[in-house]
Amino acid sequence: MVSLFINKIKVHFLILSIFLSLGNAQGVDEVLFNIDNLTVSLDSNLTASFQGKIKSSSTNAVELVLMKNDFNLLNNWQVSICVDYTCFSSSIDSVFFVLLGNDSVDVIIDIIASNNISGSIELELYDIVNPTEVTLKTLTVLSSFLSVVKKKEVEKISSINFYPNPFNNIINLTFDITYNDNVDVSIYNINGSTIKRMKNIKVGPGFSVINWDGKNNRGQTVNSGLYFVKLKGDLFEDILEITFLK
């Protein structure tokens, strides 16, 4: 009888343990992490900001860690995490905080870029009680792609276009302008390194074309991926985003 009673206690304890485990697992699912906009553009000061909210519908407090991972960021970019308006240094990669039951916190990710090039960062949110339950968010920062025209002579520039995009052989940069110009072309990879430079190319007046065959300064074909073309003339500067596919 004693043995049967002990076995019944073990069964009840096992059922209780399973119930508690399921409750903890469900608690992770009750924490939602939303970002208002996963893609933003740099402003004129080369800064960008993402805003979001972490919300719990659980009745219990949850211990959370929000971590930033360098996913495709350029050198010297500063990324700061702010939780409920408490902002941490860009040198801090992870922030621990307690989210009370049925509560929420505001999250802001501030970025200061070192150049006008696109990049990405990955955010990772997890419960320290259940670290395998992870929520990932990829934040993408785009170049501002602003054309700068000097002396208010924008009427002299009709259009600057490029095609095809994506391309796997040759991309055409076309100019339709009303004056003579000398254009410098610089092509950067996603890390901001210059891979190709073409200087003092005469364009205009009228329709002109500059070609790039997907090769770097050493004549080697570049890898497939995203690239940026910086065009600089006497009256304008422009940055174009292109994609090369082998």
Protein backbone atom coordinates (compact mmCIF):
# COMPACT_ATOMS: atom_id res chain seq x y z
CA MET A 1 0.00 0.00 0.00
CA VAL A 2 2.85 2.39 0.88
CA SER A 3 4.51 1.64 -2.46
CA LEU A 4 1.27 2.30 -4.36
CA PHE A 5 0.77 5.57 -2.47
CA ILE A 6 4.34 6.68 -3.29
CA ASN A 7 3.80 5.81 -6.98
CA LYS A 8 0.60 7.90 -7.03
CA ILE A 9 2.56 10.84 -5.57
CA LYS A 10 5.21 10.40 -8.28
CA VAL A 11 2.56 10.39 -11.00
CA HIS A 12 0.91 13.52 -9.60
CA PHE A 13 4.31 15.22 -9.29
CA LEU A 14 5.14 14.29 -12.90
CA ILE A 15 1.82 15.70 -14.14
CA LEU A 16 2.42 18.89 -12.15
CA SER A 17 5.95 19.21 -13.58
CA ILE A 18 4.66 18.81 -17.13
CA PHE A 19 1.97 21.42 -16.47
CA LEU A 20 4.51 23.90 -15.12
CA SER A 21 6.83 23.30 -18.07
CA LEU A 22 4.02 23.90 -20.53
CA GLY A 23 3.08 27.05 -18.63
CA ASN A 24 6.63 28.39 -18.96
CA ALA A 25 6.77 27.57 -22.66
CA GLN A 26 3.47 29.30 -23.25
CA GLY A 27 4.76 32.31 -21.33
CA VAL A 28 7.40 32.87 -24.01
CA ASP A 29 4.74 32.82 -26.70
CA GLU A 30 2.85 35.51 -24.78
CA VAL A 31 5.69 38.02 -25.24
CA LEU A 32 5.34 39.90 -28.53
CA PHE A 33 8.10 41.98 -30.11
CA ASN A 34 6.98 44.43 -32.80
CA ILE A 35 8.97 47.01 -34.76
CA ASP A 36 6.93 49.75 -36.47
CA ASN A 37 9.06 49.78 -39.63
CA LEU A 38 11.79 47.24 -40.37
CA THR A 39 13.29 49.45 -43.10
CA VAL A 40 14.23 53.11 -42.75
CA SER A 41 16.41 55.54 -44.70
CA LEU A 42 19.28 57.63 -43.41
CA ASP A 43 18.45 61.28 -42.99
CA SER A 44 20.65 64.19 -44.04
CA ASN A 45 22.68 63.80 -40.81
CA LEU A 46 23.31 60.10 -41.57
CA THR A 47 21.16 58.97 -38.64
CA ALA A 48 18.27 56.51 -38.50
CA SER A 49 15.88 55.30 -35.79
CA PHE A 50 13.68 52.22 -35.35
CA GLN A 51 10.80 52.22 -32.87
CA GLY A 52 8.91 49.26 -31.48
CA LYS A 53 7.28 47.68 -28.44
CA ILE A 54 7.70 44.51 -26.41
CA LYS A 55 4.43 43.44 -24.81
CA SER A 56 3.52 40.61 -22.45
CA SER A 57 0.03 39.19 -22.04
CA SER A 58 1.23 36.81 -19.33
CA THR A 59 0.26 37.42 -15.71
CA ASN A 60 3.81 36.63 -14.57
CA ALA A 61 6.93 38.74 -14.80
CA VAL A 62 9.39 37.71 -17.52
CA GLU A 63 13.16 38.22 -17.50
CA LEU A 64 14.23 39.21 -21.01
CA VAL A 65 17.44 39.92 -22.89
CA LEU A 66 17.50 42.14 -26.00
CA MET A 67 20.70 41.68 -28.00
CA LYS A 68 22.06 43.33 -31.15
CA ASN A 69 24.08 41.26 -33.60
CA ASP A 70 26.28 42.77 -36.31
CA PHE A 71 24.58 41.32 -39.37
CA ASN A 72 25.68 43.50 -42.23
CA LEU A 73 26.83 46.72 -40.64
CA LEU A 74 29.68 48.86 -41.84
CA ASN A 75 32.69 49.85 -39.78
CA ASN A 76 32.29 52.77 -37.38
CA TRP A 77 28.49 52.68 -37.33
CA GLN A 78 27.11 53.30 -33.83
CA VAL A 79 24.00 51.38 -32.76
CA SER A 80 22.34 52.14 -29.41
CA ILE A 81 19.53 50.27 -27.66
CA CYS A 82 16.90 52.22 -25.71
CA VAL A 83 14.39 50.40 -23.48
CA ASP A 84 11.64 52.54 -21.95
CA TYR A 85 13.64 55.68 -22.76
CA THR A 86 16.76 54.43 -20.98
CA CYS A 87 19.45 54.48 -23.66
CA PHE A 88 22.63 52.45 -23.42
CA SER A 89 26.03 53.07 -24.94
CA SER A 90 26.64 51.81 -28.47
CA SER A 91 29.38 49.59 -27.02
CA ILE A 92 26.73 47.57 -25.11
CA ASP A 93 25.45 44.68 -27.22
CA SER A 94 22.82 43.21 -24.85
CA VAL A 95 20.33 44.66 -22.37
CA PHE A 96 18.64 42.73 -19.54
CA PHE A 97 15.28 43.86 -18.17
CA VAL A 98 12.22 42.51 -16.36
CA LEU A 99 8.84 42.82 -18.08
CA LEU A 100 5.97 42.69 -15.60
CA GLY A 101 2.79 40.76 -16.28
CA ASN A 102 0.40 42.39 -18.75
CA ASP A 103 2.91 45.18 -19.26
CA SER A 104 4.88 46.60 -22.18
CA VAL A 105 8.08 48.56 -22.83
CA ASP A 106 9.02 50.85 -25.69
CA VAL A 107 12.14 49.97 -27.68
CA ILE A 108 14.15 52.41 -29.80
CA ILE A 109 17.21 51.51 -31.87
CA ASP A 110 19.25 54.59 -32.79
CA ILE A 111 21.89 54.39 -35.52
CA ILE A 112 24.59 56.89 -36.44
CA ALA A 113 26.17 55.96 -39.78
CA SER A 114 29.71 56.81 -40.82
CA ASN A 115 28.79 57.01 -44.51
CA ASN A 116 25.81 57.15 -46.84
CA ILE A 117 25.70 53.39 -47.51
CA SER A 118 23.04 50.79 -46.68
CA GLY A 119 23.43 48.23 -43.90
CA SER A 120 21.51 45.87 -41.63
CA ILE A 121 21.46 44.74 -38.02
CA GLU A 122 19.76 41.80 -36.31
CA LEU A 123 17.94 42.08 -32.99
CA GLU A 124 17.49 39.01 -30.80
CA LEU A 125 14.98 38.81 -27.95
CA TYR A 126 14.80 35.83 -25.60
CA ASP A 127 13.59 34.81 -22.15
CA ILE A 128 16.52 33.77 -19.91
CA VAL A 129 14.35 30.97 -18.49
CA ASN A 130 13.77 29.62 -22.01
CA PRO A 131 16.78 30.82 -24.07
CA THR A 132 15.94 28.52 -26.98
CA GLU A 133 12.73 30.47 -27.63
CA VAL A 134 14.16 33.37 -29.64
CA THR A 135 12.50 36.19 -31.59
CA LEU A 136 14.65 37.70 -34.36
CA LYS A 137 14.15 41.02 -36.14
CA THR A 138 16.30 42.21 -39.05
CA LEU A 139 16.50 46.00 -39.35
CA THR A 140 17.62 47.47 -42.69
CA VAL A 141 19.02 50.97 -43.14
CA LEU A 142 18.97 52.41 -46.65
CA SER A 143 21.10 55.18 -48.09
CA SER A 144 19.29 58.48 -48.43
CA PHE A 145 20.05 58.42 -52.20
CA LEU A 146 19.81 62.19 -52.38
CA SER A 147 20.99 64.09 -55.43
CA VAL A 148 22.84 67.27 -54.60
CA VAL A 149 22.67 69.97 -57.28
CA LYS A 150 24.87 73.06 -57.03
CA LYS A 151 23.98 76.66 -57.86
CA LYS A 152 20.28 75.80 -58.22
CA GLU A 153 20.93 74.69 -61.80
CA VAL A 154 18.72 71.62 -61.54
CA GLU A 155 16.93 72.63 -64.76
CA LYS A 156 20.09 71.76 -66.68
CA ILE A 157 19.82 68.09 -65.66
CA SER A 158 17.06 66.17 -67.40
CA SER A 159 17.54 62.61 -66.12
CA ILE A 160 20.00 60.01 -64.83
CA ASN A 161 18.88 56.38 -65.11
CA PHE A 162 20.32 52.85 -65.02
CA TYR A 163 19.27 49.52 -66.55
CA PRO A 164 18.88 46.58 -66.32
CA ASN A 165 18.76 46.17 -62.56
CA PRO A 166 19.47 43.50 -61.37
CA PHE A 167 22.07 42.74 -64.09
CA ASN A 168 24.43 39.86 -64.82
CA ASN A 169 26.50 41.21 -67.69
CA ILE A 170 26.53 44.97 -68.23
CA ILE A 171 24.63 47.77 -66.55
CA ASN A 172 24.05 51.04 -68.42
CA LEU A 173 24.18 54.39 -66.63
CA THR A 174 22.40 56.87 -68.88
CA PHE A 175 22.58 60.66 -68.78
CA ASP A 176 20.29 63.09 -70.57
CA ILE A 177 21.69 66.54 -69.77
CA THR A 178 21.81 69.90 -71.51
CA TYR A 179 25.51 70.71 -70.95
CA ASN A 180 29.00 69.19 -71.11
CA ASP A 181 30.21 67.53 -67.92
CA ASN A 182 33.04 65.34 -66.63
CA VAL A 183 31.72 62.56 -64.42
CA ASP A 184 33.60 60.44 -61.87
CA VAL A 185 32.09 57.01 -61.16
CA SER A 186 32.91 55.12 -57.95
CA ILE A 187 31.41 51.71 -57.18
CA TYR A 188 31.29 50.44 -53.58
CA ASN A 189 30.44 47.07 -52.10
CA ILE A 190 28.13 46.62 -49.12
CA ASN A 191 31.09 47.12 -46.73
CA GLY A 192 31.83 50.55 -48.16
CA SER A 193 35.05 49.52 -49.95
CA THR A 194 35.72 51.00 -53.40
CA ILE A 195 35.97 48.21 -55.98
CA LYS A 196 35.87 50.21 -59.22
CA ARG A 197 36.68 53.77 -60.21
CA MET A 198 36.19 55.51 -63.55
CA LYS A 199 37.33 59.16 -63.76
CA ASN A 200 36.73 62.14 -66.02
CA ILE A 201 34.18 60.52 -68.32
CA LYS A 202 32.80 63.11 -70.72
CA VAL A 203 29.00 63.21 -70.99
CA GLY A 204 26.51 65.51 -72.71
CA PRO A 205 25.11 67.56 -74.06
CA GLY A 206 22.25 65.24 -74.88
CA PHE A 207 22.10 61.48 -74.27
CA SER A 208 25.22 59.67 -72.97
CA VAL A 209 25.86 56.15 -71.58
CA ILE A 210 28.47 54.81 -69.15
CA ASN A 211 28.76 51.01 -68.87
CA TRP A 212 29.99 48.77 -66.04
CA ASP A 213 30.68 45.10 -66.72
CA GLY A 214 30.70 43.88 -63.11
CA LYS A 215 34.51 43.82 -62.84
CA ASN A 216 36.72 45.50 -60.27
CA ASN A 217 39.83 47.61 -60.84
CA ARG A 218 41.92 44.45 -61.32
CA GLY A 219 39.64 43.09 -64.02
CA GLN A 220 38.10 40.42 -61.78
CA THR A 221 34.36 39.74 -61.84
CA VAL A 222 32.84 40.73 -58.50
CA ASN A 223 30.61 38.52 -56.37
CA SER A 224 26.85 38.59 -56.67
CA GLY A 225 25.23 41.09 -54.35
CA LEU A 226 24.28 44.68 -53.65
CA TYR A 227 26.52 47.54 -54.84
CA PHE A 228 26.38 51.33 -54.79
CA VAL A 229 27.34 53.63 -57.65
CA LYS A 230 28.39 57.15 -56.75
CA LEU A 231 28.23 59.64 -59.63
CA LYS A 232 29.89 63.03 -59.27
CA GLY A 233 29.78 65.74 -61.89
CA ASP A 234 30.37 69.48 -61.91
CA LEU A 235 26.78 70.23 -60.86
CA PHE A 236 25.55 67.10 -59.12
CA GLU A 237 26.28 64.09 -56.94
CA ASP A 238 24.12 60.98 -56.85
CA ILE A 239 24.22 57.49 -55.32
CA LEU A 240 22.47 54.58 -57.04
CA GLU A 241 21.75 51.14 -55.58
CA ILE A 242 22.30 48.23 -58.01
CA THR A 243 22.32 44.44 -57.79
CA PHE A 244 24.79 42.20 -59.65
CA LEU A 245 23.89 38.56 -60.32
CA LYS A 246 26.36 36.07 -61.78
